[in-house]
Amino acid sequence: MEVPVNKNNANPSNIQPAKLNFLLALVLTLCGVLAGYFATVYEIKMNLAHKAENSALLNLEKRVLSLEIYLKERMVTRDDFYLFRENLEKRFSQLENKEFK
């Protein structure tokens, strides 16, 4: 008994487009998963950086308030005040530089 041969199955070149479609779909799926992963990681990093910046500004604000209290009580000399001001300006410039990078 002879096995009927289907002409479509006899030609191996018909299998190639199916494999290419599968590989293309697989590659696109992997690219989508990687894009989602990196977008999520980037968003988490940005949120952490924003929180860190806010905490740094809050710390500076607390220090300024404490300095104002000391000035009212006249416990800080003028030289100490100018030194603090210079340090504060340096920190603000560092924060601004980080913000623009």
N, C-alpha and C. Protein backbone atom coordinates (compact mmCIF):
# COMPACT_ATOMS: atom_id res chain seq x y z
N MET A 1 0.84 -1.16 0.00
CA MET A 1 0.00 0.00 0.00
C MET A 1 0.89 1.24 0.00
N GLU A 2 0.58 2.13 -0.85
CA GLU A 2 1.35 3.37 -0.95
C GLU A 2 0.76 4.45 -0.04
N VAL A 3 1.69 5.19 0.54
CA VAL A 3 1.26 6.31 1.38
C VAL A 3 1.11 7.52 0.48
N PRO A 4 -0.06 8.15 0.53
CA PRO A 4 -0.23 9.33 -0.32
C PRO A 4 0.69 10.46 0.17
N VAL A 5 1.28 11.09 -0.78
CA VAL A 5 2.21 12.18 -0.48
C VAL A 5 1.50 13.49 -0.75
N ASN A 6 1.46 14.30 0.28
CA ASN A 6 0.87 15.63 0.12
C ASN A 6 1.94 16.55 -0.45
N LYS A 7 1.63 17.19 -1.52
CA LYS A 7 2.63 18.03 -2.18
C LYS A 7 3.04 19.22 -1.31
N ASN A 8 2.15 19.68 -0.48
CA ASN A 8 2.49 20.80 0.40
C ASN A 8 3.50 20.39 1.47
N ASN A 9 3.37 19.16 1.95
CA ASN A 9 4.30 18.68 2.98
C ASN A 9 5.60 18.18 2.40
N ALA A 10 5.60 17.83 1.15
CA ALA A 10 6.79 17.29 0.53
C ALA A 10 7.87 18.34 0.37
N ASN A 11 7.50 19.58 0.23
CA ASN A 11 8.46 20.65 0.03
C ASN A 11 8.87 21.23 1.39
N PRO A 12 10.12 21.05 1.82
CA PRO A 12 10.54 21.54 3.13
C PRO A 12 10.60 23.06 3.22
N SER A 13 10.57 23.74 2.10
CA SER A 13 10.63 25.20 2.15
C SER A 13 9.34 25.78 2.72
N ASN A 14 8.26 25.04 2.75
CA ASN A 14 7.02 25.54 3.33
C ASN A 14 7.10 25.61 4.85
N ILE A 15 7.99 24.88 5.44
CA ILE A 15 8.15 24.88 6.89
C ILE A 15 8.90 26.14 7.32
N GLN A 16 9.74 26.68 6.51
CA GLN A 16 10.57 27.83 6.87
C GLN A 16 9.76 29.05 7.30
N PRO A 17 8.74 29.48 6.58
CA PRO A 17 8.00 30.67 7.02
C PRO A 17 7.36 30.49 8.39
N ALA A 18 6.90 29.30 8.70
CA ALA A 18 6.30 29.06 10.01
C ALA A 18 7.35 29.22 11.11
N LYS A 19 8.54 28.69 10.87
CA LYS A 19 9.61 28.83 11.86
C LYS A 19 10.03 30.29 12.01
N LEU A 20 10.11 30.99 10.89
CA LEU A 20 10.48 32.40 10.94
C LEU A 20 9.43 33.22 11.68
N ASN A 21 8.16 32.92 11.44
CA ASN A 21 7.09 33.63 12.15
C ASN A 21 7.17 33.36 13.65
N PHE A 22 7.43 32.10 14.01
CA PHE A 22 7.55 31.76 15.42
C PHE A 22 8.75 32.48 16.06
N LEU A 23 9.88 32.46 15.39
CA LEU A 23 11.07 33.13 15.93
C LEU A 23 10.87 34.64 16.05
N LEU A 24 10.21 35.21 15.05
CA LEU A 24 9.94 36.64 15.09
C LEU A 24 9.01 36.97 16.26
N ALA A 25 7.98 36.17 16.44
CA ALA A 25 7.06 36.39 17.55
C ALA A 25 7.79 36.22 18.89
N LEU A 26 8.66 35.24 18.97
CA LEU A 26 9.41 35.01 20.19
C LEU A 26 10.34 36.18 20.50
N VAL A 27 11.05 36.66 19.49
CA VAL A 27 11.96 37.79 19.68
C VAL A 27 11.19 39.04 20.09
N LEU A 28 10.07 39.31 19.44
CA LEU A 28 9.28 40.49 19.78
C LEU A 28 8.71 40.39 21.19
N THR A 29 8.31 39.20 21.59
CA THR A 29 7.81 39.00 22.95
C THR A 29 8.90 39.25 23.97
N LEU A 30 10.09 38.72 23.71
CA LEU A 30 11.20 38.95 24.62
C LEU A 30 11.57 40.42 24.70
N CYS A 31 11.55 41.10 23.57
CA CYS A 31 11.84 42.54 23.57
C CYS A 31 10.80 43.31 24.39
N GLY A 32 9.54 42.93 24.27
CA GLY A 32 8.49 43.57 25.06
C GLY A 32 8.66 43.34 26.54
N VAL A 33 9.01 42.11 26.92
CA VAL A 33 9.23 41.80 28.33
C VAL A 33 10.43 42.58 28.86
N LEU A 34 11.52 42.63 28.11
CA LEU A 34 12.70 43.38 28.55
C LEU A 34 12.41 44.88 28.65
N ALA A 35 11.65 45.40 27.69
CA ALA A 35 11.31 46.82 27.74
C ALA A 35 10.48 47.13 28.99
N GLY A 36 9.52 46.28 29.30
CA GLY A 36 8.72 46.47 30.50
C GLY A 36 9.56 46.39 31.76
N TYR A 37 10.49 45.45 31.79
CA TYR A 37 11.37 45.29 32.95
C TYR A 37 12.23 46.54 33.16
N PHE A 38 12.88 47.01 32.09
CA PHE A 38 13.76 48.16 32.23
C PHE A 38 12.98 49.44 32.52
N ALA A 39 11.77 49.56 31.98
CA ALA A 39 10.95 50.73 32.30
C ALA A 39 10.57 50.73 33.78
N THR A 40 10.26 49.57 34.31
CA THR A 40 9.91 49.46 35.73
C THR A 40 11.11 49.78 36.61
N VAL A 41 12.27 49.25 36.27
CA VAL A 41 13.48 49.52 37.06
C VAL A 41 13.82 51.01 37.01
N TYR A 42 13.70 51.62 35.83
CA TYR A 42 14.00 53.05 35.71
C TYR A 42 13.04 53.88 36.56
N GLU A 43 11.76 53.51 36.55
CA GLU A 43 10.79 54.26 37.34
C GLU A 43 11.09 54.13 38.84
N ILE A 44 11.46 52.94 39.28
CA ILE A 44 11.81 52.74 40.68
C ILE A 44 13.03 53.58 41.06
N LYS A 45 14.03 53.60 40.19
CA LYS A 45 15.23 54.40 40.45
C LYS A 45 14.89 55.89 40.55
N MET A 46 14.03 56.36 39.66
CA MET A 46 13.65 57.77 39.68
C MET A 46 12.89 58.11 40.95
N ASN A 47 12.01 57.23 41.39
CA ASN A 47 11.26 57.47 42.62
C ASN A 47 12.19 57.51 43.83
N LEU A 48 13.16 56.60 43.87
CA LEU A 48 14.12 56.60 44.97
C LEU A 48 14.97 57.86 44.97
N ALA A 49 15.40 58.29 43.79
CA ALA A 49 16.21 59.51 43.70
C ALA A 49 15.41 60.73 44.16
N HIS A 50 14.13 60.76 43.81
CA HIS A 50 13.27 61.87 44.22
C HIS A 50 13.11 61.88 45.74
N LYS A 51 12.91 60.71 46.32
CA LYS A 51 12.77 60.63 47.78
C LYS A 51 14.06 61.03 48.48
N ALA A 52 15.20 60.60 47.93
CA ALA A 52 16.48 60.96 48.53
C ALA A 52 16.71 62.46 48.46
N GLU A 53 16.34 63.06 47.33
CA GLU A 53 16.50 64.51 47.18
C GLU A 53 15.62 65.24 48.18
N ASN A 54 14.38 64.76 48.35
CA ASN A 54 13.48 65.40 49.31
C ASN A 54 14.02 65.28 50.73
N SER A 55 14.57 64.13 51.07
CA SER A 55 15.10 63.97 52.43
C SER A 55 16.32 64.87 52.63
N ALA A 56 17.15 65.03 51.62
CA ALA A 56 18.31 65.92 51.74
C ALA A 56 17.86 67.37 51.94
N LEU A 57 16.83 67.77 51.21
CA LEU A 57 16.32 69.14 51.37
C LEU A 57 15.69 69.33 52.74
N LEU A 58 14.99 68.31 53.23
CA LEU A 58 14.41 68.41 54.57
C LEU A 58 15.50 68.53 55.64
N ASN A 59 16.58 67.78 55.47
CA ASN A 59 17.70 67.90 56.42
C ASN A 59 18.30 69.29 56.40
N LEU A 60 18.47 69.85 55.20
CA LEU A 60 19.01 71.20 55.11
C LEU A 60 18.07 72.21 55.75
N GLU A 61 16.78 72.02 55.55
CA GLU A 61 15.80 72.94 56.14
C GLU A 61 15.84 72.87 57.66
N LYS A 62 15.99 71.66 58.20
CA LYS A 62 16.09 71.52 59.66
C LYS A 62 17.33 72.23 60.18
N ARG A 63 18.43 72.12 59.45
CA ARG A 63 19.66 72.78 59.89
C ARG A 63 19.53 74.30 59.85
N VAL A 64 18.85 74.81 58.83
CA VAL A 64 18.65 76.25 58.74
C VAL A 64 17.78 76.73 59.89
N LEU A 65 16.73 75.97 60.20
CA LEU A 65 15.88 76.36 61.32
C LEU A 65 16.64 76.34 62.64
N SER A 66 17.47 75.32 62.83
CA SER A 66 18.25 75.28 64.07
C SER A 66 19.24 76.44 64.13
N LEU A 67 19.78 76.82 62.97
CA LEU A 67 20.69 77.96 62.94
C LEU A 67 19.96 79.24 63.31
N GLU A 68 18.74 79.38 62.83
CA GLU A 68 17.97 80.58 63.17
C GLU A 68 17.72 80.64 64.68
N ILE A 69 17.47 79.49 65.28
CA ILE A 69 17.27 79.47 66.74
C ILE A 69 18.55 79.89 67.45
N TYR A 70 19.68 79.37 66.99
CA TYR A 70 20.96 79.74 67.61
C TYR A 70 21.25 81.23 67.42
N LEU A 71 20.91 81.75 66.25
CA LEU A 71 21.15 83.18 66.02
C LEU A 71 20.30 84.02 66.96
N LYS A 72 19.07 83.59 67.19
CA LYS A 72 18.21 84.35 68.11
C LYS A 72 18.77 84.32 69.52
N GLU A 73 19.39 83.22 69.86
CA GLU A 73 19.97 83.11 71.20
C GLU A 73 21.40 83.65 71.24
N ARG A 74 21.91 84.08 70.10
CA ARG A 74 23.26 84.66 69.97
C ARG A 74 24.34 83.69 70.42
N MET A 75 24.19 82.46 69.98
CA MET A 75 25.20 81.47 70.31
C MET A 75 26.12 81.18 69.14
N VAL A 76 25.86 81.78 68.00
CA VAL A 76 26.67 81.54 66.82
C VAL A 76 27.40 82.83 66.48
N THR A 77 28.68 82.70 66.20
CA THR A 77 29.44 83.88 65.82
C THR A 77 29.22 84.17 64.34
N ARG A 78 29.63 85.33 63.95
CA ARG A 78 29.48 85.74 62.55
C ARG A 78 30.30 84.83 61.63
N ASP A 79 31.49 84.45 62.06
CA ASP A 79 32.34 83.56 61.25
C ASP A 79 31.69 82.20 61.06
N ASP A 80 31.09 81.67 62.13
CA ASP A 80 30.38 80.39 62.02
C ASP A 80 29.21 80.49 61.04
N PHE A 81 28.53 81.62 61.12
CA PHE A 81 27.40 81.82 60.21
C PHE A 81 27.87 81.85 58.75
N TYR A 82 28.95 82.57 58.46
CA TYR A 82 29.45 82.64 57.08
C TYR A 82 29.97 81.28 56.60
N LEU A 83 30.59 80.53 57.48
CA LEU A 83 31.04 79.19 57.14
C LEU A 83 29.85 78.28 56.81
N PHE A 84 28.82 78.38 57.61
CA PHE A 84 27.61 77.60 57.34
C PHE A 84 26.98 78.01 56.02
N ARG A 85 26.95 79.31 55.76
CA ARG A 85 26.37 79.79 54.51
C ARG A 85 27.12 79.25 53.29
N GLU A 86 28.44 79.23 53.37
CA GLU A 86 29.24 78.71 52.27
C GLU A 86 28.97 77.22 52.05
N ASN A 87 28.89 76.47 53.17
CA ASN A 87 28.57 75.05 53.05
C ASN A 87 27.19 74.83 52.46
N LEU A 88 26.27 75.66 52.87
CA LEU A 88 24.90 75.55 52.35
C LEU A 88 24.85 75.85 50.86
N GLU A 89 25.58 76.86 50.43
CA GLU A 89 25.62 77.19 49.00
C GLU A 89 26.25 76.05 48.20
N LYS A 90 27.29 75.42 48.74
CA LYS A 90 27.91 74.29 48.05
C LYS A 90 26.91 73.14 47.91
N ARG A 91 26.19 72.86 48.96
CA ARG A 91 25.22 71.76 48.91
C ARG A 91 24.09 72.05 47.92
N PHE A 92 23.61 73.28 47.92
CA PHE A 92 22.56 73.63 46.96
C PHE A 92 23.07 73.51 45.53
N SER A 93 24.30 73.93 45.30
CA SER A 93 24.84 73.81 43.94
C SER A 93 25.02 72.36 43.55
N GLN A 94 25.41 71.50 44.52
CA GLN A 94 25.51 70.07 44.23
C GLN A 94 24.16 69.48 43.90
N LEU A 95 23.13 69.89 44.64
CA LEU A 95 21.77 69.40 44.35
C LEU A 95 21.30 69.85 42.97
N GLU A 96 21.60 71.09 42.63
CA GLU A 96 21.21 71.60 41.31
C GLU A 96 21.95 70.85 40.21
N ASN A 97 23.23 70.56 40.42
CA ASN A 97 23.99 69.82 39.42
C ASN A 97 23.45 68.41 39.24
N LYS A 98 23.07 67.76 40.34
CA LYS A 98 22.48 66.42 40.25
C LYS A 98 21.15 66.46 39.52
N GLU A 99 20.39 67.52 39.76
CA GLU A 99 19.07 67.64 39.15
C GLU A 99 19.17 67.77 37.63
N PHE A 100 20.19 68.45 37.13
CA PHE A 100 20.32 68.68 35.69
C PHE A 100 21.01 67.55 34.97
N LYS A 101 21.59 66.60 35.70
CA LYS A 101 22.29 65.47 35.04
C LYS A 101 21.35 64.40 34.63
